[in-house]
């Protein structure tokens, strides 16, 4: 059985991506939540289970093979199961989906830094910095293009739920947490992501977690 090590469901955006990726595989897995930044965090990160990842979550163990980084987990599971579970089958759509997933993986540092994920909170809207606003505009452009060109088969970016939706799911939660207004088409997509049963499962579980990380419990400045 697969074993997935994740951080707090309330706060860990990369853990959410890894967890959704494993759920998408349809394979059974053992889930281990390791509370981030508690008194045992550094000790756990030095253990053998964490060692290959440099102490970061999520980490997927497949027997004796270890895969870390959410995008690598997606690719491993796509190879292990059926790539069509994760990526569009049509070349142009697949090329765009891969590019969007990679851009999400490497970009939007201002949005990610200033608006940390916290699925247990919802703050009143605040003025966005120019850098954050520019990143959100870029995300909206990508979402609009994906929906217009390849999204006619369902409510997700490329029609059916897949790797790109997994990569953008934590961004969706940030838009809700910080009451960030988005265009109507994007609001419909946000609702579709939040209504996905796996997202509801994750968010419901986060409400029950006993751990609080104070630095993630304050509204963005």
N, C-alpha and C. Protein backbone atom coordinates (compact mmCIF):
# COMPACT_ATOMS: atom_id res chain seq x y z
N UNK A 1 0.84 -1.20 0.00
CA UNK A 1 0.00 0.00 0.00
C UNK A 1 0.87 1.25 0.00
N UNK A 2 0.43 2.29 -0.70
CA UNK A 2 1.11 3.56 -0.68
C UNK A 2 1.03 4.20 0.70
N UNK A 3 2.03 4.97 1.05
CA UNK A 3 2.02 5.72 2.31
C UNK A 3 2.31 7.18 1.98
N UNK A 4 1.41 8.09 2.38
CA UNK A 4 1.57 9.52 2.10
C UNK A 4 1.73 10.26 3.42
N UNK A 5 2.83 11.00 3.53
CA UNK A 5 3.09 11.83 4.71
C UNK A 5 2.77 13.27 4.34
N UNK A 6 1.88 13.89 5.11
CA UNK A 6 1.45 15.26 4.83
C UNK A 6 1.58 16.11 6.08
N UNK A 7 1.49 17.44 5.87
CA UNK A 7 1.43 18.38 6.99
C UNK A 7 -0.01 18.70 7.33
N UNK A 8 -0.19 19.73 8.14
CA UNK A 8 -1.52 20.12 8.59
C UNK A 8 -2.45 20.40 7.42
N UNK A 9 -3.66 19.86 7.49
CA UNK A 9 -4.62 20.10 6.41
C UNK A 9 -5.10 21.54 6.39
N UNK A 10 -5.07 22.21 7.52
CA UNK A 10 -5.51 23.60 7.54
C UNK A 10 -4.58 24.50 6.74
N UNK A 11 -3.29 24.20 6.74
CA UNK A 11 -2.31 25.15 6.24
C UNK A 11 -1.44 24.67 5.07
N UNK A 12 -1.27 23.38 4.89
CA UNK A 12 -0.24 22.88 3.99
C UNK A 12 -0.76 22.74 2.56
N UNK A 13 -0.47 23.73 1.74
CA UNK A 13 -0.95 23.73 0.36
C UNK A 13 -0.32 22.62 -0.47
N UNK A 14 0.97 22.39 -0.29
CA UNK A 14 1.61 21.34 -1.07
C UNK A 14 1.13 19.97 -0.63
N UNK A 15 0.81 19.81 0.65
CA UNK A 15 0.24 18.53 1.09
C UNK A 15 -1.11 18.28 0.44
N UNK A 16 -1.92 19.34 0.32
CA UNK A 16 -3.21 19.20 -0.35
C UNK A 16 -3.01 18.69 -1.77
N UNK A 17 -2.06 19.25 -2.49
CA UNK A 17 -1.80 18.80 -3.86
C UNK A 17 -1.40 17.32 -3.89
N UNK A 18 -0.49 16.94 -3.01
CA UNK A 18 -0.06 15.54 -2.98
C UNK A 18 -1.20 14.60 -2.63
N UNK A 19 -2.02 15.01 -1.69
CA UNK A 19 -3.15 14.19 -1.24
C UNK A 19 -4.17 14.02 -2.35
N UNK A 20 -4.51 15.12 -3.04
CA UNK A 20 -5.45 15.03 -4.15
C UNK A 20 -4.89 14.14 -5.25
N UNK A 21 -3.59 14.21 -5.48
CA UNK A 21 -2.97 13.38 -6.50
C UNK A 21 -3.14 11.90 -6.19
N UNK A 22 -2.96 11.54 -4.93
CA UNK A 22 -3.12 10.13 -4.56
C UNK A 22 -4.58 9.72 -4.63
N UNK A 23 -5.49 10.59 -4.19
CA UNK A 23 -6.91 10.28 -4.32
C UNK A 23 -7.28 10.05 -5.78
N UNK A 24 -6.73 10.86 -6.67
CA UNK A 24 -7.03 10.75 -8.10
C UNK A 24 -6.56 9.42 -8.67
N UNK A 25 -5.55 8.83 -8.08
CA UNK A 25 -5.02 7.56 -8.59
C UNK A 25 -5.99 6.42 -8.39
N UNK A 26 -6.86 6.52 -7.40
CA UNK A 26 -7.77 5.43 -7.08
C UNK A 26 -7.13 4.31 -6.29
N UNK A 27 -5.86 4.44 -5.95
CA UNK A 27 -5.14 3.40 -5.21
C UNK A 27 -5.32 3.59 -3.70
N UNK A 28 -5.37 2.49 -2.94
CA UNK A 28 -5.44 2.62 -1.49
C UNK A 28 -4.14 3.19 -0.94
N UNK A 29 -4.23 3.98 0.12
CA UNK A 29 -3.01 4.53 0.71
C UNK A 29 -3.20 4.79 2.19
N UNK A 30 -2.10 4.74 2.89
CA UNK A 30 -2.06 5.10 4.30
C UNK A 30 -1.69 6.58 4.39
N UNK A 31 -2.43 7.31 5.19
CA UNK A 31 -2.21 8.75 5.33
C UNK A 31 -1.65 9.05 6.72
N UNK A 32 -0.53 9.75 6.77
CA UNK A 32 0.10 10.12 8.03
C UNK A 32 0.24 11.64 8.07
N UNK A 33 -0.41 12.27 9.03
CA UNK A 33 -0.31 13.72 9.19
C UNK A 33 0.74 14.04 10.24
N UNK A 34 1.69 14.87 9.87
CA UNK A 34 2.75 15.30 10.78
C UNK A 34 2.56 16.79 11.04
N UNK A 35 2.17 17.18 12.26
CA UNK A 35 1.93 18.61 12.53
C UNK A 35 3.19 19.44 12.29
N UNK A 36 3.06 20.48 11.50
CA UNK A 36 4.20 21.32 11.17
C UNK A 36 4.54 22.26 12.32
N UNK A 37 5.83 22.43 12.55
CA UNK A 37 6.38 23.45 13.43
C UNK A 37 6.04 23.24 14.91
N UNK A 38 5.59 22.03 15.29
CA UNK A 38 5.41 21.78 16.72
C UNK A 38 6.77 21.40 17.32
N UNK A 39 6.78 21.02 18.60
CA UNK A 39 8.06 20.78 19.27
C UNK A 39 8.81 19.57 18.71
N UNK A 40 8.10 18.68 18.02
CA UNK A 40 8.75 17.49 17.47
C UNK A 40 9.03 17.60 15.98
N UNK A 41 8.71 18.75 15.37
CA UNK A 41 8.81 18.88 13.92
C UNK A 41 10.24 18.64 13.44
N UNK A 42 11.21 19.30 14.04
CA UNK A 42 12.59 19.16 13.57
C UNK A 42 13.10 17.74 13.76
N UNK A 43 12.72 17.11 14.87
CA UNK A 43 13.16 15.73 15.10
C UNK A 43 12.59 14.80 14.04
N UNK A 44 11.31 14.96 13.73
CA UNK A 44 10.68 14.12 12.72
C UNK A 44 11.33 14.31 11.35
N UNK A 45 11.65 15.55 11.02
CA UNK A 45 12.22 15.85 9.70
C UNK A 45 13.60 15.23 9.52
N UNK A 46 14.25 14.91 10.61
CA UNK A 46 15.57 14.28 10.53
C UNK A 46 15.49 12.77 10.45
N UNK A 47 14.28 12.21 10.53
CA UNK A 47 14.11 10.77 10.49
C UNK A 47 14.23 10.21 9.07
N UNK A 48 14.30 8.90 9.00
CA UNK A 48 14.52 8.23 7.72
C UNK A 48 13.38 8.47 6.74
N UNK A 49 12.14 8.56 7.24
CA UNK A 49 11.01 8.73 6.33
C UNK A 49 11.05 10.08 5.62
N UNK A 50 11.62 11.10 6.29
CA UNK A 50 11.69 12.43 5.72
C UNK A 50 12.97 12.69 4.94
N UNK A 51 14.00 11.90 5.20
CA UNK A 51 15.35 12.23 4.72
C UNK A 51 15.42 12.51 3.23
N UNK A 52 14.82 11.69 2.37
CA UNK A 52 14.99 11.95 0.93
C UNK A 52 14.44 13.29 0.47
N UNK A 53 13.44 13.82 1.17
CA UNK A 53 12.79 15.06 0.74
C UNK A 53 13.46 16.31 1.29
N UNK A 54 14.48 16.15 2.11
CA UNK A 54 15.08 17.30 2.77
C UNK A 54 14.20 17.85 3.87
N UNK A 55 13.29 17.04 4.38
CA UNK A 55 12.45 17.45 5.50
C UNK A 55 11.17 18.15 5.11
N UNK A 56 10.76 18.03 3.85
CA UNK A 56 9.55 18.71 3.38
C UNK A 56 8.42 17.70 3.15
N UNK A 57 7.18 18.21 3.23
CA UNK A 57 6.02 17.40 2.89
C UNK A 57 5.36 18.00 1.65
N UNK A 58 4.64 17.17 0.86
CA UNK A 58 4.29 15.77 1.09
C UNK A 58 5.40 14.83 0.63
N UNK A 59 5.34 13.61 1.15
CA UNK A 59 6.25 12.55 0.76
C UNK A 59 5.42 11.31 0.50
N UNK A 60 5.62 10.69 -0.64
CA UNK A 60 4.92 9.46 -0.97
C UNK A 60 5.91 8.30 -0.98
N UNK A 61 5.59 7.28 -0.20
CA UNK A 61 6.36 6.04 -0.22
C UNK A 61 5.56 4.99 -0.97
N UNK A 62 6.17 4.40 -1.99
CA UNK A 62 5.57 3.30 -2.74
C UNK A 62 6.50 2.11 -2.57
N UNK A 63 6.19 1.29 -1.56
CA UNK A 63 7.09 0.23 -1.13
C UNK A 63 8.41 0.87 -0.70
N UNK A 64 9.51 0.58 -1.38
CA UNK A 64 10.80 1.16 -1.01
C UNK A 64 11.16 2.38 -1.85
N UNK A 65 10.27 2.78 -2.73
CA UNK A 65 10.51 3.96 -3.57
C UNK A 65 9.89 5.18 -2.91
N UNK A 66 10.64 6.27 -2.84
CA UNK A 66 10.14 7.50 -2.23
C UNK A 66 10.05 8.59 -3.29
N UNK A 67 8.93 9.29 -3.30
CA UNK A 67 8.70 10.39 -4.23
C UNK A 67 8.30 11.60 -3.41
N UNK A 68 8.98 12.70 -3.60
CA UNK A 68 8.62 13.93 -2.90
C UNK A 68 8.37 15.02 -3.94
N UNK A 69 7.73 16.08 -3.51
CA UNK A 69 7.30 17.17 -4.38
C UNK A 69 5.99 16.77 -5.06
N UNK A 70 5.00 17.63 -4.96
CA UNK A 70 3.65 17.30 -5.42
C UNK A 70 3.59 17.00 -6.92
N UNK A 71 4.32 17.76 -7.72
CA UNK A 71 4.27 17.52 -9.16
C UNK A 71 4.92 16.19 -9.51
N UNK A 72 5.98 15.83 -8.81
CA UNK A 72 6.61 14.52 -9.02
C UNK A 72 5.66 13.40 -8.60
N UNK A 73 4.90 13.62 -7.53
CA UNK A 73 3.92 12.62 -7.09
C UNK A 73 2.85 12.43 -8.16
N UNK A 74 2.38 13.54 -8.73
CA UNK A 74 1.40 13.43 -9.82
C UNK A 74 1.96 12.58 -10.96
N UNK A 75 3.18 12.86 -11.37
CA UNK A 75 3.76 12.14 -12.51
C UNK A 75 3.99 10.67 -12.18
N UNK A 76 4.43 10.38 -10.97
CA UNK A 76 4.65 8.99 -10.57
C UNK A 76 3.34 8.21 -10.64
N UNK A 77 2.29 8.79 -10.10
CA UNK A 77 1.00 8.09 -10.06
C UNK A 77 0.36 8.01 -11.44
N UNK A 78 0.61 9.02 -12.28
CA UNK A 78 0.11 8.94 -13.66
C UNK A 78 0.76 7.78 -14.40
N UNK A 79 2.07 7.59 -14.20
CA UNK A 79 2.76 6.46 -14.81
C UNK A 79 2.28 5.14 -14.23
N UNK A 80 1.97 5.14 -12.95
CA UNK A 80 1.60 3.90 -12.26
C UNK A 80 0.18 3.45 -12.61
N UNK A 81 -0.69 4.40 -12.92
CA UNK A 81 -2.09 4.06 -13.15
C UNK A 81 -2.46 4.31 -14.61
N UNK A 82 -3.00 5.48 -14.88
CA UNK A 82 -3.46 5.83 -16.22
C UNK A 82 -3.24 7.32 -16.39
N UNK A 83 -2.41 7.70 -17.35
CA UNK A 83 -2.07 9.11 -17.50
C UNK A 83 -3.31 9.95 -17.81
N UNK A 84 -4.33 9.36 -18.40
CA UNK A 84 -5.55 10.10 -18.70
C UNK A 84 -6.30 10.51 -17.43
N UNK A 85 -5.99 9.90 -16.30
CA UNK A 85 -6.57 10.35 -15.04
C UNK A 85 -6.09 11.76 -14.68
N UNK A 86 -4.92 12.12 -15.16
CA UNK A 86 -4.28 13.36 -14.74
C UNK A 86 -4.17 14.40 -15.86
N UNK A 87 -3.93 13.95 -17.08
CA UNK A 87 -3.62 14.87 -18.17
C UNK A 87 -4.58 14.66 -19.34
N UNK A 88 -4.92 15.73 -20.06
CA UNK A 88 -5.76 15.59 -21.24
C UNK A 88 -5.09 14.68 -22.28
N UNK A 89 -5.89 13.99 -23.05
CA UNK A 89 -5.34 13.08 -24.06
C UNK A 89 -5.00 13.81 -25.36
N UNK A 90 -5.66 14.91 -25.64
CA UNK A 90 -5.40 15.67 -26.87
C UNK A 90 -4.12 16.49 -26.71
N UNK A 91 -3.29 16.50 -27.74
CA UNK A 91 -1.94 17.06 -27.63
C UNK A 91 -1.95 18.53 -27.20
N UNK A 92 -2.73 19.37 -27.88
CA UNK A 92 -2.71 20.79 -27.56
C UNK A 92 -3.18 21.05 -26.13
N UNK A 93 -4.21 20.34 -25.72
CA UNK A 93 -4.72 20.50 -24.36
C UNK A 93 -3.69 20.01 -23.34
N UNK A 94 -3.06 18.87 -23.64
CA UNK A 94 -2.07 18.33 -22.72
C UNK A 94 -0.86 19.25 -22.60
N UNK A 95 -0.44 19.83 -23.72
CA UNK A 95 0.68 20.76 -23.67
C UNK A 95 0.37 21.98 -22.83
N UNK A 96 -0.83 22.51 -22.97
CA UNK A 96 -1.22 23.66 -22.17
C UNK A 96 -1.34 23.28 -20.69
N UNK A 97 -1.92 22.11 -20.43
CA UNK A 97 -2.09 21.66 -19.04
C UNK A 97 -0.75 21.48 -18.35
N UNK A 98 0.20 20.87 -19.04
CA UNK A 98 1.53 20.70 -18.45
C UNK A 98 2.19 22.05 -18.16
N UNK A 99 2.04 22.98 -19.09
CA UNK A 99 2.65 24.30 -18.90
C UNK A 99 2.02 25.03 -17.72
N UNK A 100 0.69 24.95 -17.61
CA UNK A 100 0.01 25.62 -16.49
C UNK A 100 0.41 25.00 -15.16
N UNK A 101 0.50 23.67 -15.11
CA UNK A 101 0.89 23.02 -13.86
C UNK A 101 2.31 23.41 -13.47
N UNK A 102 3.21 23.45 -14.45
CA UNK A 102 4.59 23.83 -14.18
C UNK A 102 4.68 25.29 -13.73
N UNK A 103 3.89 26.18 -14.36
CA UNK A 103 3.90 27.57 -13.95
C UNK A 103 3.38 27.73 -12.53
N UNK A 104 2.33 26.99 -12.19
CA UNK A 104 1.82 27.05 -10.82
C UNK A 104 2.89 26.57 -9.84
N UNK A 105 3.63 25.56 -10.25
CA UNK A 105 4.65 24.98 -9.39
C UNK A 105 5.77 25.97 -9.09
N UNK A 106 6.08 26.84 -10.05
CA UNK A 106 7.28 27.67 -9.91
C UNK A 106 7.00 29.15 -9.74
N UNK A 107 5.76 29.57 -9.79
CA UNK A 107 5.45 31.00 -9.88
C UNK A 107 4.52 31.47 -8.77
N UNK A 108 4.09 32.73 -8.89
CA UNK A 108 3.12 33.36 -7.99
C UNK A 108 3.64 33.45 -6.55
N UNK A 109 4.93 33.75 -6.41
CA UNK A 109 5.54 33.79 -5.09
C UNK A 109 4.91 34.84 -4.18
N UNK A 110 4.52 35.98 -4.75
CA UNK A 110 3.94 37.04 -3.92
C UNK A 110 2.59 36.62 -3.35
N UNK A 111 1.75 36.04 -4.18
CA UNK A 111 0.46 35.56 -3.70
C UNK A 111 0.63 34.48 -2.66
N UNK A 112 1.53 33.57 -2.89
CA UNK A 112 1.73 32.45 -1.97
C UNK A 112 2.34 32.93 -0.65
N UNK A 113 3.24 33.92 -0.73
CA UNK A 113 3.89 34.42 0.49
C UNK A 113 2.93 35.27 1.32
N UNK A 114 2.22 36.18 0.67
CA UNK A 114 1.40 37.15 1.41
C UNK A 114 0.05 36.60 1.83
N UNK A 115 -0.40 35.54 1.17
CA UNK A 115 -1.73 34.99 1.45
C UNK A 115 -1.59 33.48 1.69
N UNK A 116 -1.12 33.14 2.87
CA UNK A 116 -0.89 31.74 3.22
C UNK A 116 -2.21 30.98 3.25
N UNK A 117 -2.15 29.70 2.91
CA UNK A 117 -3.36 28.89 2.93
C UNK A 117 -3.83 28.68 4.36
N UNK A 118 -5.12 28.87 4.57
CA UNK A 118 -5.76 28.56 5.85
C UNK A 118 -7.23 28.30 5.57
N UNK A 119 -7.60 27.05 5.43
CA UNK A 119 -8.97 26.70 5.02
C UNK A 119 -9.97 26.81 6.17
N UNK A 120 -9.49 27.21 7.35
CA UNK A 120 -10.40 27.37 8.49
C UNK A 120 -10.83 28.82 8.68
N UNK A 121 -10.31 29.73 7.88
CA UNK A 121 -10.58 31.16 8.08
C UNK A 121 -11.21 31.78 6.85
N UNK A 122 -11.91 32.89 7.07
CA UNK A 122 -12.32 33.76 5.97
C UNK A 122 -12.25 35.20 6.47
N UNK A 123 -11.40 35.98 5.83
CA UNK A 123 -11.16 37.36 6.22
C UNK A 123 -11.88 38.31 5.26
N UNK A 124 -12.12 39.50 5.73
CA UNK A 124 -12.71 40.51 4.86
C UNK A 124 -11.67 40.93 3.81
N UNK A 125 -12.16 41.39 2.68
CA UNK A 125 -11.27 41.76 1.57
C UNK A 125 -10.37 42.93 1.96
N UNK A 126 -9.13 42.87 1.49
CA UNK A 126 -8.17 43.95 1.69
C UNK A 126 -7.56 44.31 0.35
N UNK A 127 -7.00 45.50 0.27
CA UNK A 127 -6.39 45.94 -0.98
C UNK A 127 -5.18 45.08 -1.31
N UNK A 128 -5.09 44.67 -2.56
CA UNK A 128 -3.99 43.83 -3.01
C UNK A 128 -2.81 44.69 -3.43
N UNK A 129 -1.61 44.18 -3.20
CA UNK A 129 -0.44 44.86 -3.73
C UNK A 129 -0.42 44.72 -5.25
N UNK A 130 0.33 45.56 -5.91
CA UNK A 130 0.43 45.49 -7.37
C UNK A 130 0.98 44.15 -7.83
N UNK A 131 1.97 43.63 -7.10
CA UNK A 131 2.58 42.36 -7.49
C UNK A 131 1.58 41.22 -7.37
N UNK A 132 0.82 41.19 -6.27
CA UNK A 132 -0.17 40.13 -6.09
C UNK A 132 -1.28 40.27 -7.12
N UNK A 133 -1.72 41.49 -7.36
CA UNK A 133 -2.78 41.72 -8.34
C UNK A 133 -2.34 41.23 -9.72
N UNK A 134 -1.10 41.50 -10.09
CA UNK A 134 -0.60 41.06 -11.40
C UNK A 134 -0.58 39.54 -11.50
N UNK A 135 -0.22 38.88 -10.41
CA UNK A 135 -0.21 37.42 -10.43
C UNK A 135 -1.62 36.85 -10.55
N UNK A 136 -2.57 37.46 -9.87
CA UNK A 136 -3.96 37.00 -9.97
C UNK A 136 -4.50 37.22 -11.38
N UNK A 137 -4.17 38.36 -11.99
CA UNK A 137 -4.58 38.60 -13.37
C UNK A 137 -4.03 37.51 -14.28
N UNK A 138 -2.78 37.14 -14.09
CA UNK A 138 -2.18 36.08 -14.89
C UNK A 138 -2.92 34.76 -14.70
N UNK A 139 -3.26 34.43 -13.47
CA UNK A 139 -4.00 33.20 -13.20
C UNK A 139 -5.37 33.23 -13.89
N UNK A 140 -6.04 34.37 -13.81
CA UNK A 140 -7.35 34.49 -14.45
C UNK A 140 -7.24 34.31 -15.97
N UNK A 141 -6.18 34.86 -16.56
CA UNK A 141 -5.97 34.70 -18.00
C UNK A 141 -5.80 33.23 -18.37
N UNK A 142 -5.00 32.52 -17.59
CA UNK A 142 -4.78 31.10 -17.87
C UNK A 142 -6.07 30.31 -17.69
N UNK A 143 -6.78 30.56 -16.61
CA UNK A 143 -8.03 29.85 -16.39
C UNK A 143 -9.01 30.10 -17.54
N UNK A 144 -9.12 31.36 -17.96
CA UNK A 144 -10.05 31.70 -19.04
C UNK A 144 -9.67 31.00 -20.34
N UNK A 145 -8.39 30.95 -20.66
CA UNK A 145 -7.95 30.30 -21.89
C UNK A 145 -8.21 28.80 -21.83
N UNK A 146 -7.90 28.19 -20.70
CA UNK A 146 -8.12 26.74 -20.57
C UNK A 146 -9.59 26.40 -20.70
N UNK A 147 -10.44 27.17 -20.03
CA UNK A 147 -11.88 26.90 -20.09
C UNK A 147 -12.41 27.11 -21.51
N UNK A 148 -11.97 28.18 -22.15
CA UNK A 148 -12.49 28.49 -23.48
C UNK A 148 -12.03 27.47 -24.52
N UNK A 149 -10.78 27.04 -24.43
CA UNK A 149 -10.22 26.16 -25.45
C UNK A 149 -10.49 24.68 -25.19
N UNK A 150 -10.48 24.30 -23.91
CA UNK A 150 -10.46 22.86 -23.61
C UNK A 150 -11.41 22.45 -22.48
N UNK A 151 -12.25 23.35 -22.01
CA UNK A 151 -13.03 23.05 -20.82
C UNK A 151 -14.47 22.68 -21.05
N UNK A 152 -14.82 22.32 -22.27
CA UNK A 152 -16.24 22.09 -22.56
C UNK A 152 -16.76 20.75 -22.04
N UNK A 153 -15.88 19.87 -21.58
CA UNK A 153 -16.33 18.55 -21.13
C UNK A 153 -16.74 18.47 -19.69
N UNK A 154 -16.74 19.60 -18.98
CA UNK A 154 -17.09 19.58 -17.56
C UNK A 154 -16.75 20.90 -16.90
N UNK A 155 -16.85 21.00 -15.58
CA UNK A 155 -16.69 22.28 -14.90
C UNK A 155 -15.25 22.66 -14.56
N UNK A 156 -14.31 21.78 -14.88
CA UNK A 156 -12.93 22.02 -14.46
C UNK A 156 -12.13 22.66 -15.60
N UNK A 157 -10.88 23.00 -15.34
CA UNK A 157 -10.12 23.79 -16.30
C UNK A 157 -10.03 23.12 -17.67
N UNK A 158 -9.87 21.81 -17.68
CA UNK A 158 -9.81 21.07 -18.94
C UNK A 158 -10.98 20.09 -19.04
N UNK A 159 -12.10 20.49 -18.48
CA UNK A 159 -13.31 19.68 -18.53
C UNK A 159 -13.42 18.78 -17.33
N UNK A 160 -12.65 17.69 -17.31
CA UNK A 160 -12.68 16.77 -16.19
C UNK A 160 -11.56 17.10 -15.20
N UNK A 161 -11.76 16.69 -13.97
CA UNK A 161 -10.80 16.96 -12.90
C UNK A 161 -9.48 16.27 -13.20
N UNK A 162 -8.37 17.01 -13.04
CA UNK A 162 -7.06 16.44 -13.35
C UNK A 162 -5.94 17.17 -12.66
N UNK A 163 -4.73 16.98 -13.19
CA UNK A 163 -3.52 17.48 -12.54
C UNK A 163 -3.53 19.00 -12.38
N UNK A 164 -4.01 19.72 -13.39
CA UNK A 164 -4.00 21.18 -13.31
C UNK A 164 -4.92 21.66 -12.19
N UNK A 165 -6.07 21.04 -12.05
CA UNK A 165 -6.97 21.41 -10.95
C UNK A 165 -6.35 21.09 -9.61
N UNK A 166 -5.63 19.99 -9.53
CA UNK A 166 -4.93 19.64 -8.30
C UNK A 166 -3.91 20.72 -7.95
N UNK A 167 -3.17 21.19 -8.94
CA UNK A 167 -2.14 22.18 -8.69
C UNK A 167 -2.73 23.53 -8.27
N UNK A 168 -3.89 23.89 -8.82
CA UNK A 168 -4.47 25.19 -8.50
C UNK A 168 -5.44 25.15 -7.32
N UNK A 169 -5.76 23.98 -6.81
CA UNK A 169 -6.74 23.89 -5.72
C UNK A 169 -6.39 24.75 -4.51
N UNK A 170 -5.13 24.78 -4.05
CA UNK A 170 -4.83 25.64 -2.90
C UNK A 170 -4.99 27.13 -3.21
N UNK A 171 -4.79 27.53 -4.46
CA UNK A 171 -5.02 28.92 -4.84
C UNK A 171 -6.51 29.24 -4.72
N UNK A 172 -7.35 28.30 -5.12
CA UNK A 172 -8.79 28.47 -4.97
C UNK A 172 -9.14 28.75 -3.52
N UNK A 173 -8.57 27.99 -2.60
CA UNK A 173 -8.89 28.20 -1.18
C UNK A 173 -8.43 29.58 -0.71
N UNK A 174 -7.32 30.08 -1.23
CA UNK A 174 -6.84 31.41 -0.85
C UNK A 174 -7.83 32.49 -1.29
N UNK A 175 -8.38 32.35 -2.48
CA UNK A 175 -9.35 33.34 -2.95
C UNK A 175 -10.54 33.43 -2.00
N UNK A 176 -10.93 32.29 -1.44
CA UNK A 176 -12.05 32.28 -0.49
C UNK A 176 -11.61 32.82 0.86
N UNK A 177 -10.49 32.34 1.36
CA UNK A 177 -10.01 32.75 2.69
C UNK A 177 -9.86 34.26 2.79
N UNK A 178 -9.33 34.88 1.73
CA UNK A 178 -9.04 36.31 1.78
C UNK A 178 -10.05 37.15 1.00
N UNK A 179 -11.20 36.55 0.67
CA UNK A 179 -12.30 37.25 0.00
C UNK A 179 -11.81 38.03 -1.21
N UNK A 180 -10.99 37.37 -2.02
CA UNK A 180 -10.46 37.98 -3.23
C UNK A 180 -11.48 37.82 -4.35
N UNK A 181 -11.93 38.91 -4.90
CA UNK A 181 -12.95 38.88 -5.95
C UNK A 181 -12.35 38.36 -7.25
N UNK A 182 -13.12 37.52 -7.94
CA UNK A 182 -12.70 36.99 -9.24
C UNK A 182 -13.86 37.13 -10.22
N UNK A 183 -13.59 37.11 -11.51
CA UNK A 183 -14.66 37.20 -12.50
C UNK A 183 -15.67 36.06 -12.37
N UNK A 184 -16.82 36.24 -12.98
CA UNK A 184 -17.91 35.26 -12.81
C UNK A 184 -17.50 33.86 -13.26
N UNK A 185 -16.80 33.77 -14.41
CA UNK A 185 -16.42 32.43 -14.90
C UNK A 185 -15.49 31.75 -13.89
N UNK A 186 -14.60 32.56 -13.27
CA UNK A 186 -13.67 32.00 -12.30
C UNK A 186 -14.39 31.63 -11.00
N UNK A 187 -15.38 32.42 -10.62
CA UNK A 187 -16.17 32.09 -9.43
C UNK A 187 -16.87 30.76 -9.61
N UNK A 188 -17.35 30.49 -10.82
CA UNK A 188 -17.99 29.20 -11.10
C UNK A 188 -17.00 28.06 -10.96
N UNK A 189 -15.78 28.28 -11.43
CA UNK A 189 -14.73 27.26 -11.28
C UNK A 189 -14.36 27.08 -9.81
N UNK A 190 -14.24 28.16 -9.08
CA UNK A 190 -13.95 28.07 -7.65
C UNK A 190 -15.01 27.22 -6.95
N UNK A 191 -16.26 27.46 -7.26
CA UNK A 191 -17.34 26.68 -6.65
C UNK A 191 -17.22 25.20 -7.01
N UNK A 192 -16.85 24.91 -8.26
CA UNK A 192 -16.71 23.52 -8.67
C UNK A 192 -15.60 22.82 -7.89
N UNK A 193 -14.48 23.50 -7.71
CA UNK A 193 -13.37 22.91 -6.94
C UNK A 193 -13.79 22.69 -5.49
N UNK A 194 -14.39 23.69 -4.87
CA UNK A 194 -14.77 23.56 -3.46
C UNK A 194 -15.86 22.52 -3.26
N UNK A 195 -16.65 22.27 -4.29
CA UNK A 195 -17.73 21.29 -4.19
C UNK A 195 -17.26 19.87 -4.50
N UNK A 196 -16.02 19.73 -4.95
CA UNK A 196 -15.51 18.38 -5.22
C UNK A 196 -15.48 17.60 -3.90
N UNK A 197 -15.93 16.35 -3.90
CA UNK A 197 -16.02 15.61 -2.63
C UNK A 197 -14.69 15.48 -1.90
N UNK A 198 -13.59 15.39 -2.63
CA UNK A 198 -12.29 15.29 -1.95
C UNK A 198 -11.91 16.60 -1.29
N UNK A 199 -12.26 17.71 -1.91
CA UNK A 199 -12.00 19.00 -1.28
C UNK A 199 -12.86 19.17 -0.03
N UNK A 200 -14.11 18.77 -0.10
CA UNK A 200 -14.96 18.84 1.09
C UNK A 200 -14.41 17.96 2.20
N UNK A 201 -13.92 16.79 1.84
CA UNK A 201 -13.33 15.88 2.83
C UNK A 201 -12.12 16.51 3.50
N UNK A 202 -11.24 17.12 2.70
CA UNK A 202 -10.03 17.75 3.23
C UNK A 202 -10.38 18.92 4.15
N UNK A 203 -11.26 19.78 3.69
CA UNK A 203 -11.61 20.98 4.47
C UNK A 203 -12.34 20.60 5.75
N UNK A 204 -13.22 19.61 5.68
CA UNK A 204 -13.91 19.15 6.89
C UNK A 204 -12.91 18.59 7.90
N UNK A 205 -11.94 17.82 7.42
CA UNK A 205 -10.93 17.26 8.32
C UNK A 205 -10.08 18.35 8.94
N UNK A 206 -9.81 19.41 8.18
CA UNK A 206 -9.01 20.51 8.71
C UNK A 206 -9.69 21.18 9.89
N UNK A 207 -11.02 21.23 9.88
CA UNK A 207 -11.74 21.87 10.98
C UNK A 207 -11.54 21.12 12.30
N UNK A 208 -11.25 19.84 12.20
CA UNK A 208 -11.12 19.00 13.39
C UNK A 208 -9.70 18.94 13.93
N UNK A 209 -8.75 19.49 13.19
CA UNK A 209 -7.36 19.43 13.65
C UNK A 209 -7.17 20.26 14.92
N UNK A 210 -6.42 19.76 15.89
CA UNK A 210 -6.21 20.52 17.12
C UNK A 210 -5.08 21.53 17.04
N UNK A 211 -4.28 21.50 15.98
CA UNK A 211 -3.06 22.30 15.93
C UNK A 211 -3.34 23.68 15.37
N UNK A 212 -2.66 24.66 15.95
CA UNK A 212 -2.76 26.04 15.48
C UNK A 212 -1.34 26.57 15.27
N UNK A 213 -1.10 27.16 14.11
CA UNK A 213 0.16 27.82 13.81
C UNK A 213 -0.13 29.32 13.75
N UNK A 214 0.32 30.04 14.74
CA UNK A 214 -0.08 31.43 14.91
C UNK A 214 0.25 32.32 13.71
N UNK A 215 1.37 32.05 13.06
CA UNK A 215 1.77 32.92 11.94
C UNK A 215 0.81 32.81 10.77
N UNK A 216 0.03 31.72 10.71
CA UNK A 216 -0.95 31.54 9.64
C UNK A 216 -2.37 31.92 10.08
N UNK A 217 -2.49 32.48 11.26
CA UNK A 217 -3.80 32.80 11.82
C UNK A 217 -4.07 34.30 11.85
N UNK A 218 -3.39 35.03 11.00
CA UNK A 218 -3.59 36.47 10.93
C UNK A 218 -3.93 36.85 9.50
N UNK A 219 -4.78 37.84 9.29
CA UNK A 219 -5.11 38.25 7.91
C UNK A 219 -3.91 38.85 7.21
N UNK A 220 -3.93 38.80 5.90
CA UNK A 220 -2.85 39.39 5.12
C UNK A 220 -2.81 40.90 5.34
N UNK A 221 -1.62 41.46 5.31
CA UNK A 221 -1.45 42.90 5.50
C UNK A 221 -1.47 43.58 4.13
